Amino acid sequence: MTTHEAHVPANGVRNLSPEDAWERARTMVVGRLAFSGGDRLELFPINYLVDRGTVLFRTAPGTKLAASMERLAVAFEVDGYEADTNEAWSVVVHGTLEPVLDTAAIVDAVALPLFPWQSGEKAFFVRIVPSEVTGRQFTVADPSRWVSQFTGAHRASQE
């Protein structure tokens, strides 16, 4: 437990401070970006990095770039599992998409180790500028806890 984390409540779920949430987000490279695009919700896996208190990713012309030009409100989520402690965590960043348009900022972004996983030209940089960063961490439950006492089958199956 780092100095920023709060006491673990009885339910085992502890809220992470924004600093601890960012610390965990920095350890991963893929998260999910969600926003409302027209008459439907959009959800995209993106590879990213944390840069200057924002989430930075690359994209091509299309839905994500257009959403950044409109400065749409978004949610970004990233999860992790720490096998050595049997703990899972989830971080959510709420904020606004913003295109990186300033020449100096583009030059800085190009120098970062952020490379698209998908083939094709991803020449544009977009930032999620946060309005709120939250996170939770908890111990993963023992799978035997979810076995039905009536049939011995896992509770996800029909009884």
Protein backbone atom coordinates (compact mmCIF):
# COMPACT_ATOMS: atom_id res chain seq x y z
CA MET A 1 0.00 0.00 0.00
CA THR A 2 1.44 3.38 -0.95
CA THR A 3 1.20 6.42 1.24
CA HIS A 4 -1.72 7.80 -0.80
CA GLU A 5 -4.02 4.81 -0.38
CA ALA A 6 -6.77 4.83 2.20
CA HIS A 7 -7.56 2.20 4.81
CA VAL A 8 -9.10 -0.99 3.35
CA PRO A 9 -12.86 -1.09 4.15
CA ALA A 10 -14.67 -4.25 5.30
CA ASN A 11 -15.84 -5.06 1.74
CA GLY A 12 -12.20 -5.21 0.62
CA VAL A 13 -12.62 -2.53 -2.04
CA ARG A 14 -10.52 0.55 -1.50
CA ASN A 15 -10.70 3.76 -3.43
CA LEU A 16 -7.44 4.93 -4.90
CA SER A 17 -6.29 8.51 -4.66
CA PRO A 18 -5.93 10.27 -8.03
CA GLU A 19 -2.14 9.95 -7.66
CA ASP A 20 -2.37 6.18 -7.14
CA ALA A 21 -4.88 5.86 -10.00
CA TRP A 22 -2.42 7.63 -12.34
CA GLU A 23 0.41 5.45 -11.05
CA ARG A 24 -1.49 2.30 -12.04
CA ALA A 25 -2.60 3.75 -15.40
CA ARG A 26 1.07 4.37 -16.22
CA THR A 27 1.79 0.64 -15.88
CA MET A 28 -0.52 -0.39 -18.72
CA VAL A 29 -0.57 0.35 -22.44
CA VAL A 30 -4.13 -0.50 -23.55
CA GLY A 31 -7.40 0.88 -22.26
CA ARG A 32 -10.94 1.55 -23.45
CA LEU A 33 -12.25 4.90 -24.67
CA ALA A 34 -16.01 5.50 -24.53
CA PHE A 35 -18.14 8.41 -25.72
CA SER A 36 -21.50 9.16 -27.26
CA GLY A 37 -21.15 9.53 -31.01
CA GLY A 38 -24.41 10.69 -32.55
CA ASP A 39 -27.22 8.32 -31.65
CA ARG A 40 -25.06 5.55 -30.16
CA LEU A 41 -22.30 4.89 -27.68
CA GLU A 42 -18.85 4.26 -29.10
CA LEU A 43 -16.21 2.10 -27.42
CA PHE A 44 -12.65 1.74 -28.67
CA PRO A 45 -9.61 -0.09 -27.36
CA ILE A 46 -6.67 2.30 -27.58
CA ASN A 47 -3.00 1.98 -26.82
CA TYR A 48 -1.93 5.03 -24.90
CA LEU A 49 0.50 6.59 -22.49
CA VAL A 50 0.09 8.99 -19.62
CA ASP A 51 1.68 12.34 -20.48
CA ARG A 52 1.57 15.52 -18.42
CA GLY A 53 -1.53 14.53 -16.48
CA THR A 54 -3.43 13.48 -19.61
CA VAL A 55 -3.99 10.30 -21.60
CA LEU A 56 -2.35 10.56 -25.02
CA PHE A 57 -3.04 8.33 -28.03
CA ARG A 58 -2.55 8.30 -31.79
CA THR A 59 -5.30 7.99 -34.36
CA ALA A 60 -6.17 8.30 -38.03
CA PRO A 61 -8.93 10.45 -39.53
CA GLY A 62 -12.26 9.03 -38.39
CA THR A 63 -14.55 8.81 -35.38
CA LYS A 64 -12.00 9.46 -32.61
CA LEU A 65 -10.35 12.39 -34.37
CA ALA A 66 -13.73 13.94 -35.21
CA ALA A 67 -14.80 13.54 -31.58
CA SER A 68 -11.64 15.34 -30.46
CA MET A 69 -12.36 18.24 -32.80
CA GLU A 70 -15.78 18.53 -31.14
CA ARG A 71 -14.15 18.33 -27.66
CA LEU A 72 -16.56 15.53 -26.69
CA ALA A 73 -16.88 14.32 -23.12
CA VAL A 74 -15.38 10.85 -22.73
CA ALA A 75 -14.65 8.11 -20.26
CA PHE A 76 -11.46 6.08 -20.37
CA GLU A 77 -10.93 2.89 -18.39
CA VAL A 78 -7.92 0.69 -17.77
CA ASP A 79 -7.71 -2.39 -15.54
CA GLY A 80 -4.94 -4.49 -14.13
CA TYR A 81 -4.26 -7.58 -12.07
CA GLU A 82 -1.33 -8.07 -9.73
CA ALA A 83 -0.74 -11.82 -9.49
CA ASP A 84 1.76 -11.56 -6.64
CA THR A 85 -0.86 -9.94 -4.37
CA ASN A 86 -3.99 -11.43 -6.03
CA GLU A 87 -5.40 -7.93 -6.39
CA ALA A 88 -7.22 -6.31 -9.28
CA TRP A 89 -7.69 -2.63 -9.93
CA SER A 90 -9.63 -0.35 -12.24
CA VAL A 91 -8.99 3.29 -13.13
CA VAL A 92 -11.52 5.57 -14.83
CA VAL A 93 -10.67 8.96 -16.32
CA HIS A 94 -13.57 11.27 -17.16
CA GLY A 95 -12.69 14.23 -19.31
CA THR A 96 -12.68 15.82 -22.72
CA LEU A 97 -11.01 14.77 -25.95
CA GLU A 98 -8.74 17.39 -27.44
CA PRO A 99 -6.70 17.20 -30.63
CA VAL A 100 -3.01 18.04 -30.32
CA LEU A 101 -2.69 20.91 -32.80
CA ASP A 102 0.14 23.10 -31.50
CA THR A 103 3.34 22.47 -33.48
CA ALA A 104 5.56 22.31 -30.39
CA ALA A 105 3.15 19.89 -28.70
CA ILE A 106 3.10 17.66 -31.80
CA VAL A 107 6.92 17.62 -31.89
CA ASP A 108 6.95 16.64 -28.19
CA ALA A 109 4.33 13.92 -28.80
CA VAL A 110 6.26 12.43 -31.75
CA ALA A 111 9.29 12.03 -29.46
CA LEU A 112 7.32 9.89 -26.99
CA PRO A 113 7.39 6.06 -27.15
CA LEU A 114 3.81 5.81 -28.41
CA PHE A 115 3.43 3.61 -31.45
CA PRO A 116 0.17 2.35 -32.97
CA TRP A 117 -0.52 -1.37 -32.63
CA GLN A 118 -2.75 -1.44 -35.68
CA SER A 119 -1.17 -1.04 -39.08
CA GLY A 120 -1.88 2.07 -41.07
CA GLU A 121 -1.08 5.72 -40.75
CA LYS A 122 -1.92 7.14 -37.29
CA ALA A 123 -0.50 10.62 -37.74
CA PHE A 124 -2.77 12.49 -35.33
CA PHE A 125 -2.38 12.81 -31.57
CA VAL A 126 -5.35 13.19 -29.25
CA ARG A 127 -5.43 13.86 -25.51
CA ILE A 128 -7.98 13.03 -22.89
CA VAL A 129 -7.86 16.05 -20.60
CA PRO A 130 -9.23 14.83 -17.29
CA SER A 131 -11.92 16.42 -15.18
CA GLU A 132 -11.93 13.46 -12.75
CA VAL A 133 -9.68 10.47 -12.13
CA THR A 134 -10.90 7.64 -9.90
CA GLY A 135 -9.75 4.14 -9.12
CA ARG A 136 -10.51 1.09 -7.04
CA GLN A 137 -8.44 -1.86 -5.91
CA PHE A 138 -9.63 -5.12 -4.38
CA THR A 139 -8.59 -8.66 -3.60
CA VAL A 140 -9.82 -11.15 -6.21
CA ALA A 141 -12.39 -13.55 -4.72
CA ASP A 142 -11.64 -17.26 -4.43
CA PRO A 143 -13.47 -18.97 -7.35
CA SER A 144 -14.86 -21.65 -5.02
CA ARG A 145 -16.94 -18.90 -3.40
CA TRP A 146 -19.09 -18.79 -6.53
CA VAL A 147 -20.07 -22.47 -6.53
CA SER A 148 -23.76 -23.16 -5.84
CA GLN A 149 -24.36 -24.99 -2.60
CA PHE A 150 -27.40 -26.72 -4.18
CA THR A 151 -25.83 -28.36 -7.22
CA GLY A 152 -22.11 -27.78 -6.91
CA ALA A 153 -22.24 -25.98 -10.26
CA HIS A 154 -20.89 -22.50 -10.76
CA ARG A 155 -23.57 -19.89 -10.12
CA ALA A 156 -23.26 -18.56 -13.65
CA SER A 157 -24.80 -21.80 -14.91
CA GLN A 158 -28.50 -22.64 -14.66
CA GLU A 159 -29.67 -24.41 -11.51
